[in-house]
Amino acid sequence: VRITSDREKQLEMYKKFAAEVEKDRPALFTYAPNFIYVMPKRVKGVELRAVSIPSERFLGIHRWYLETDRVWRAFLSNETLPSSEDNF
């Protein structure tokens, strides 16, 4: 475009340039959905962080629980004692 001072040629070159840019337009994705999840207050142990895909909300599901009771060890039977396999 700067190689000529002829206005008609410059206009023609600008049109060719604009057509080339239009043909090879880069994509810019500006849409990012918000994933909003509501949990009942009785569900404990839920830590929802930034989620990229909906299934990621279940990554920590093994830590979720509804209720717990404190029981002294003396009152636990062998079947209810926690084993080392219970620790994740």
Protein backbone atom coordinates (compact mmCIF):
# COMPACT_ATOMS: atom_id res chain seq x y z
CA VAL A 1 0.00 0.00 0.00
CA ARG A 2 2.86 2.36 0.77
CA ILE A 3 4.68 1.51 -2.45
CA THR A 4 2.41 3.77 -4.49
CA SER A 5 0.99 7.23 -4.03
CA ASP A 6 -1.86 6.58 -6.45
CA ARG A 7 -5.09 6.65 -4.39
CA GLU A 8 -6.90 4.23 -6.68
CA LYS A 9 -4.12 1.64 -6.41
CA GLN A 10 -3.93 2.10 -2.63
CA LEU A 11 -7.68 1.56 -2.33
CA GLU A 12 -7.45 -1.56 -4.50
CA MET A 13 -4.56 -2.90 -2.35
CA TYR A 14 -6.49 -2.20 0.88
CA LYS A 15 -9.49 -4.08 -0.48
CA LYS A 16 -7.30 -7.08 -1.37
CA PHE A 17 -5.68 -6.95 2.06
CA ALA A 18 -9.08 -6.76 3.82
CA ALA A 19 -10.38 -9.70 1.76
CA GLU A 20 -7.31 -11.78 2.72
CA VAL A 21 -7.71 -10.98 6.41
CA GLU A 22 -11.42 -11.80 6.19
CA LYS A 23 -10.64 -15.15 4.56
CA ASP A 24 -8.14 -16.17 7.27
CA ARG A 25 -9.79 -14.59 10.29
CA PRO A 26 -8.47 -15.97 13.59
CA ALA A 27 -11.01 -17.29 16.07
CA LEU A 28 -11.38 -15.80 19.51
CA PHE A 29 -13.68 -17.62 21.91
CA THR A 30 -15.10 -15.24 24.46
CA TYR A 31 -17.77 -17.54 25.90
CA ALA A 32 -17.01 -19.25 29.20
CA PRO A 33 -20.01 -20.79 30.96
CA ASN A 34 -20.46 -20.49 34.71
CA PHE A 35 -21.08 -23.78 36.44
CA ILE A 36 -23.15 -23.04 39.54
CA TYR A 37 -24.00 -25.85 41.93
CA VAL A 38 -26.20 -25.66 45.01
CA MET A 39 -25.64 -28.19 47.79
CA PRO A 40 -27.85 -28.82 50.81
CA LYS A 41 -26.30 -27.56 54.06
CA ARG A 42 -26.48 -31.06 55.54
CA VAL A 43 -23.93 -32.37 52.98
CA LYS A 44 -20.49 -31.80 54.48
CA GLY A 45 -16.99 -32.15 53.06
CA VAL A 46 -17.85 -30.52 49.73
CA GLU A 47 -15.10 -28.36 48.26
CA LEU A 48 -16.13 -27.02 44.88
CA ARG A 49 -13.34 -25.15 43.16
CA ALA A 50 -13.12 -23.83 39.62
CA VAL A 51 -14.80 -26.35 37.33
CA SER A 52 -13.86 -26.62 33.66
CA ILE A 53 -16.25 -29.40 32.77
CA PRO A 54 -19.39 -30.40 34.70
CA SER A 55 -18.09 -33.84 35.71
CA GLU A 56 -15.23 -32.24 37.70
CA ARG A 57 -17.71 -31.32 40.44
CA PHE A 58 -17.56 -34.97 41.54
CA LEU A 59 -13.76 -35.19 41.88
CA GLY A 60 -13.93 -35.02 45.68
CA ILE A 61 -17.16 -36.97 46.16
CA HIS A 62 -15.38 -39.60 48.27
CA ARG A 63 -15.02 -36.91 50.98
CA TRP A 64 -18.73 -35.98 51.11
CA TYR A 65 -20.80 -37.09 54.07
CA LEU A 66 -24.15 -36.36 55.69
CA GLU A 67 -23.66 -36.90 59.40
CA THR A 68 -21.12 -38.25 61.85
CA ASP A 69 -21.09 -39.27 65.48
CA ARG A 70 -18.19 -39.25 67.87
CA VAL A 71 -17.83 -42.63 69.51
CA TRP A 72 -15.22 -43.48 72.12
CA ARG A 73 -12.89 -46.28 71.02
CA ALA A 74 -13.94 -48.36 74.02
CA PHE A 75 -17.44 -48.64 72.58
CA LEU A 76 -16.37 -49.69 69.07
CA SER A 77 -16.39 -53.32 68.06
CA ASN A 78 -13.68 -54.80 65.83
CA GLU A 79 -15.95 -54.50 62.78
CA THR A 80 -16.38 -50.76 63.21
CA LEU A 81 -12.76 -49.88 63.99
CA PRO A 82 -11.23 -47.86 61.18
CA SER A 83 -8.53 -49.68 59.23
CA SER A 84 -5.52 -48.19 57.51
CA GLU A 85 -7.31 -48.81 54.18
CA ASP A 86 -9.96 -46.24 55.14
CA ASN A 87 -7.43 -43.41 54.92
CA PHE A 88 -7.31 -42.03 51.40
